[in-house]
Amino acid sequence: MVTGHEHPPVNGPGNRAAHPAAHTEYRIAHLEERLARSELAELGTRIEARGDAVHITGTASTAADREAILRIAAEELPGVPVRADIALADVTAPDHRPEDLS
């Protein structure tokens, strides 16, 4: 269920290809704020700088939510490699078989 994605740096109009490492923590904080304001991080995510990359771990409700988290990360962290280990929540109903007490 856990997937490892590595997204290449995003470059485009208005995006600089590289940012100083000193700004990475600030940019991570901005990403965390943006995710907290959305409904995407309801099950929690952890975002941290690891070397020259950013690592995102946590749980998403759906595959679409996981992809949205990765899209937002790419928008907020252009030029920074993003690695993700985001599991999908198990939303299946629990098995309600009666417990056999013998």
C-alpha atoms as a PDB file:
ATOM      1  CA  MET A   1       0.000   0.000   0.000  1.00  0.00           C
ATOM      2  CA  VAL A   2       2.900   2.361   0.529  1.00  0.00           C
ATOM      3  CA  THR A   3       4.285   3.736  -2.664  1.00  0.00           C
ATOM      4  CA  GLY A   4       7.560   5.469  -3.267  1.00  0.00           C
ATOM      5  CA  HIS A   5       7.281   8.277  -5.739  1.00  0.00           C
ATOM      6  CA  GLU A   6      10.044  10.542  -6.800  1.00  0.00           C
ATOM      7  CA  HIS A   7       8.883  13.549  -8.706  1.00  0.00           C
ATOM      8  CA  PRO A   8      11.411  15.467 -10.783  1.00  0.00           C
ATOM      9  CA  PRO A   9      11.901  19.159 -10.178  1.00  0.00           C
ATOM     10  CA  VAL A  10       9.149  21.256 -11.686  1.00  0.00           C
ATOM     11  CA  ASN A  11      10.317  24.067 -13.921  1.00  0.00           C
ATOM     12  CA  GLY A  12       8.217  26.464 -15.876  1.00  0.00           C
ATOM     13  CA  PRO A  13       7.417  30.129 -16.328  1.00  0.00           C
ATOM     14  CA  GLY A  14       7.972  31.913 -13.056  1.00  0.00           C
ATOM     15  CA  ASN A  15       9.611  28.889 -11.395  1.00  0.00           C
ATOM     16  CA  ARG A  16      13.285  29.034 -10.658  1.00  0.00           C
ATOM     17  CA  ALA A  17      15.133  25.774 -11.274  1.00  0.00           C
ATOM     18  CA  ALA A  18      17.022  25.830  -7.975  1.00  0.00           C
ATOM     19  CA  HIS A  19      16.484  27.450  -4.580  1.00  0.00           C
ATOM     20  CA  PRO A  20      18.975  27.874  -1.771  1.00  0.00           C
ATOM     21  CA  ALA A  21      18.733  25.162   0.868  1.00  0.00           C
ATOM     22  CA  ALA A  22      18.200  27.852   3.525  1.00  0.00           C
ATOM     23  CA  HIS A  23      14.784  28.564   2.041  1.00  0.00           C
ATOM     24  CA  THR A  24      13.689  24.918   2.002  1.00  0.00           C
ATOM     25  CA  GLU A  25      12.430  24.912   5.606  1.00  0.00           C
ATOM     26  CA  TYR A  26      10.406  28.066   4.969  1.00  0.00           C
ATOM     27  CA  ARG A  27       8.931  26.535   1.825  1.00  0.00           C
ATOM     28  CA  ILE A  28       8.113  23.304   3.692  1.00  0.00           C
ATOM     29  CA  ALA A  29       6.286  25.343   6.357  1.00  0.00           C
ATOM     30  CA  HIS A  30       4.287  27.075   3.618  1.00  0.00           C
ATOM     31  CA  LEU A  31       3.413  23.672   2.093  1.00  0.00           C
ATOM     32  CA  GLU A  32       2.310  22.369   5.506  1.00  0.00           C
ATOM     33  CA  GLU A  33       0.065  25.423   5.962  1.00  0.00           C
ATOM     34  CA  ARG A  34      -1.473  24.955   2.536  1.00  0.00           C
ATOM     35  CA  LEU A  35      -2.178  21.272   3.186  1.00  0.00           C
ATOM     36  CA  ALA A  36      -3.587  22.038   6.650  1.00  0.00           C
ATOM     37  CA  ARG A  37      -6.046  24.519   5.117  1.00  0.00           C
ATOM     38  CA  SER A  38      -7.221  21.848   2.685  1.00  0.00           C
ATOM     39  CA  GLU A  39      -9.003  18.594   3.457  1.00  0.00           C
ATOM     40  CA  LEU A  40      -6.118  16.548   2.082  1.00  0.00           C
ATOM     41  CA  ALA A  41      -4.055  16.175   5.217  1.00  0.00           C
ATOM     42  CA  GLU A  42      -6.862  15.076   7.499  1.00  0.00           C
ATOM     43  CA  LEU A  43      -5.035  11.835   8.334  1.00  0.00           C
ATOM     44  CA  GLY A  44      -1.741  13.608   8.761  1.00  0.00           C
ATOM     45  CA  THR A  45       1.383  14.040   6.740  1.00  0.00           C
ATOM     46  CA  ARG A  46       4.941  14.683   7.743  1.00  0.00           C
ATOM     47  CA  ILE A  47       7.182  16.766   5.523  1.00  0.00           C
ATOM     48  CA  GLU A  48      10.902  17.113   6.111  1.00  0.00           C
ATOM     49  CA  ALA A  49      14.052  18.057   4.263  1.00  0.00           C
ATOM     50  CA  ARG A  50      16.473  15.179   3.719  1.00  0.00           C
ATOM     51  CA  GLY A  51      19.610  16.289   1.955  1.00  0.00           C
ATOM     52  CA  ASP A  52      18.706  18.056  -1.266  1.00  0.00           C
ATOM     53  CA  ALA A  53      15.228  16.501  -1.377  1.00  0.00           C
ATOM     54  CA  VAL A  54      11.982  16.765   0.563  1.00  0.00           C
ATOM     55  CA  HIS A  55      10.396  13.605   1.962  1.00  0.00           C
ATOM     56  CA  ILE A  56       6.639  13.366   2.544  1.00  0.00           C
ATOM     57  CA  THR A  57       5.191  10.547   4.650  1.00  0.00           C
ATOM     58  CA  GLY A  58       1.708   9.898   5.926  1.00  0.00           C
ATOM     59  CA  THR A  59      -1.688   8.596   4.942  1.00  0.00           C
ATOM     60  CA  ALA A  60      -4.196   9.777   2.367  1.00  0.00           C
ATOM     61  CA  SER A  61      -7.864   8.821   2.124  1.00  0.00           C
ATOM     62  CA  THR A  62      -7.760   8.061  -1.611  1.00  0.00           C
ATOM     63  CA  ALA A  63      -5.302   7.750  -4.466  1.00  0.00           C
ATOM     64  CA  ALA A  64      -6.678  11.032  -5.824  1.00  0.00           C
ATOM     65  CA  ASP A  65      -5.896  12.746  -2.501  1.00  0.00           C
ATOM     66  CA  ARG A  66      -2.365  11.311  -2.563  1.00  0.00           C
ATOM     67  CA  GLU A  67      -1.853  12.660  -6.090  1.00  0.00           C
ATOM     68  CA  ALA A  68      -3.261  16.056  -5.029  1.00  0.00           C
ATOM     69  CA  ILE A  69      -0.768  16.212  -2.136  1.00  0.00           C
ATOM     70  CA  LEU A  70       2.068  15.467  -4.566  1.00  0.00           C
ATOM     71  CA  ARG A  71       0.786  18.064  -7.055  1.00  0.00           C
ATOM     72  CA  ILE A  72       0.614  20.748  -4.354  1.00  0.00           C
ATOM     73  CA  ALA A  73       4.106  19.789  -3.162  1.00  0.00           C
ATOM     74  CA  ALA A  74       5.435  20.209  -6.706  1.00  0.00           C
ATOM     75  CA  GLU A  75       3.759  23.633  -6.934  1.00  0.00           C
ATOM     76  CA  GLU A  76       5.176  24.790  -3.599  1.00  0.00           C
ATOM     77  CA  LEU A  77       8.640  23.276  -4.058  1.00  0.00           C
ATOM     78  CA  PRO A  78       9.619  23.904  -7.675  1.00  0.00           C
ATOM     79  CA  GLY A  79      13.123  22.704  -8.406  1.00  0.00           C
ATOM     80  CA  VAL A  80      13.239  20.466  -5.329  1.00  0.00           C
ATOM     81  CA  PRO A  81      13.064  16.673  -5.694  1.00  0.00           C
ATOM     82  CA  VAL A  82      10.109  15.311  -3.712  1.00  0.00           C
ATOM     83  CA  ARG A  83      10.051  11.727  -2.432  1.00  0.00           C
ATOM     84  CA  ALA A  84       6.835  10.379  -0.980  1.00  0.00           C
ATOM     85  CA  ASP A  85       5.770   7.400   1.094  1.00  0.00           C
ATOM     86  CA  ILE A  86       2.051   8.064   1.369  1.00  0.00           C
ATOM     87  CA  ALA A  87      -0.119   5.078   2.262  1.00  0.00           C
ATOM     88  CA  LEU A  88      -3.801   4.828   1.455  1.00  0.00           C
ATOM     89  CA  ALA A  89      -6.156   4.570   4.415  1.00  0.00           C
ATOM     90  CA  ASP A  90      -7.996   1.289   4.730  1.00  0.00           C
ATOM     91  CA  VAL A  91     -11.612   2.374   4.488  1.00  0.00           C
ATOM     92  CA  THR A  92     -13.130  -1.097   4.332  1.00  0.00           C
ATOM     93  CA  ALA A  93     -15.622  -1.991   7.015  1.00  0.00           C
ATOM     94  CA  PRO A  94     -14.194  -4.068   9.838  1.00  0.00           C
ATOM     95  CA  ASP A  95     -15.082  -7.742   9.947  1.00  0.00           C
ATOM     96  CA  HIS A  96     -17.863  -8.081  12.548  1.00  0.00           C
ATOM     97  CA  ARG A  97     -17.767 -11.831  13.046  1.00  0.00           C
ATOM     98  CA  PRO A  98     -18.673 -12.798  16.576  1.00  0.00           C
ATOM     99  CA  GLU A  99     -15.717 -13.759  18.719  1.00  0.00           C
ATOM    100  CA  ASP A 100     -15.567 -17.486  19.464  1.00  0.00           C
ATOM    101  CA  LEU A 101     -14.974 -17.921  23.186  1.00  0.00           C
ATOM    102  CA  SER A 102     -14.300 -21.569  23.857  1.00  0.00           C
END
